[in-house]
Amino acid sequence: MRTKSKIRNTIKVLYAAFTVIITQVAVYAQQPTHYPGDNDPIPPTLVNILIYIGGPLLLFLAYYYFNKKEKKKREDRRKDEGTK
């Protein structure tokens, strides 16, 4: 009986050790190997201005325009349903 208990304990210890090793490998694999050295601001070139300022502004204006257009369509449908 003691040998079964020892074997089970040995298996549990080996399983725990194997799990810790695998976990450490997975955690180490996710760490970056290098960090960027300089954190300078983005240079104000024409392309950067168009991407970082013009792009979001264009998306906002397009959303506002289409939202306003849909709202007008809904109001027109409500008017048409109310007059019938």
Protein backbone atom coordinates (compact mmCIF):
# COMPACT_ATOMS: atom_id res chain seq x y z
CA MET A 1 0.00 0.00 0.00
CA ARG A 2 2.80 2.40 0.75
CA THR A 3 4.27 2.00 -2.68
CA LYS A 4 1.03 3.09 -4.35
CA SER A 5 0.91 6.14 -2.13
CA LYS A 6 4.55 6.98 -2.90
CA ILE A 7 3.98 6.51 -6.61
CA ARG A 8 0.93 8.78 -6.51
CA ASN A 9 2.82 11.44 -4.57
CA THR A 10 5.73 11.21 -7.01
CA ILE A 11 3.36 11.59 -9.96
CA LYS A 12 1.71 14.61 -8.33
CA VAL A 13 5.08 16.25 -7.70
CA LEU A 14 6.27 15.57 -11.25
CA TYR A 15 2.99 16.89 -12.66
CA ALA A 16 3.28 20.06 -10.55
CA ALA A 17 6.91 20.58 -11.62
CA PHE A 18 6.04 20.01 -15.28
CA THR A 19 3.13 22.48 -15.03
CA VAL A 20 5.34 25.13 -13.44
CA ILE A 21 8.01 24.70 -16.10
CA ILE A 22 5.49 24.94 -18.95
CA THR A 23 3.86 27.99 -17.38
CA GLN A 24 7.21 29.74 -16.96
CA VAL A 25 8.11 29.04 -20.57
CA ALA A 26 4.79 30.48 -21.74
CA VAL A 27 5.20 33.60 -19.59
CA TYR A 28 8.78 34.13 -20.72
CA ALA A 29 7.76 33.74 -24.37
CA GLN A 30 5.34 36.65 -24.03
CA GLN A 31 7.93 39.11 -22.72
CA PRO A 32 9.34 41.50 -25.29
CA THR A 33 13.01 41.04 -26.03
CA HIS A 34 13.68 44.72 -26.65
CA TYR A 35 12.08 48.07 -26.03
CA PRO A 36 12.18 51.04 -28.39
CA GLY A 37 14.90 53.43 -27.34
CA ASP A 38 13.55 56.85 -28.19
CA ASN A 39 10.02 58.07 -27.70
CA ASP A 40 10.09 61.15 -29.87
CA PRO A 41 6.85 62.84 -30.88
CA ILE A 42 5.47 62.10 -34.32
CA PRO A 43 6.97 64.50 -36.87
CA PRO A 44 4.36 66.85 -38.38
CA THR A 45 4.61 65.74 -41.99
CA LEU A 46 1.73 66.05 -44.44
CA VAL A 47 1.02 62.32 -44.37
CA ASN A 48 0.96 62.19 -40.56
CA ILE A 49 -1.37 65.19 -40.40
CA LEU A 50 -3.73 63.58 -42.91
CA ILE A 51 -3.71 60.25 -41.08
CA TYR A 52 -3.93 61.37 -37.45
CA ILE A 53 -6.04 64.53 -37.80
CA GLY A 54 -7.79 64.36 -41.16
CA GLY A 55 -8.78 60.71 -40.94
CA PRO A 56 -10.69 60.85 -37.64
CA LEU A 57 -12.21 64.20 -38.61
CA LEU A 58 -13.41 62.76 -41.93
CA LEU A 59 -14.88 59.71 -40.17
CA PHE A 60 -16.70 61.93 -37.68
CA LEU A 61 -18.13 64.14 -40.41
CA ALA A 62 -19.26 61.11 -42.45
CA TYR A 63 -20.94 59.61 -39.37
CA TYR A 64 -22.66 62.92 -38.59
CA TYR A 65 -23.86 63.34 -42.19
CA PHE A 66 -25.26 59.82 -42.52
CA ASN A 67 -26.80 59.92 -39.06
CA LYS A 68 -28.53 63.19 -39.92
CA LYS A 69 -29.72 61.72 -43.23
CA GLU A 70 -31.16 58.64 -41.50
CA LYS A 71 -32.86 60.79 -38.89
CA LYS A 72 -34.54 62.83 -41.63
CA LYS A 73 -35.72 59.63 -43.34
CA ARG A 74 -37.21 58.37 -40.07
CA GLU A 75 -39.02 61.66 -39.50
CA ASP A 76 -40.39 61.60 -43.08
CA ARG A 77 -41.65 58.03 -42.56
CA ARG A 78 -43.36 59.06 -39.32
CA LYS A 79 -45.03 61.98 -41.10
CA ASP A 80 -46.18 59.71 -43.94
CA GLU A 81 -47.57 57.15 -41.48
CA GLY A 82 -49.33 59.87 -39.50
CA THR A 83 -51.09 61.34 -42.54
CA LYS A 84 -52.44 58.01 -43.78
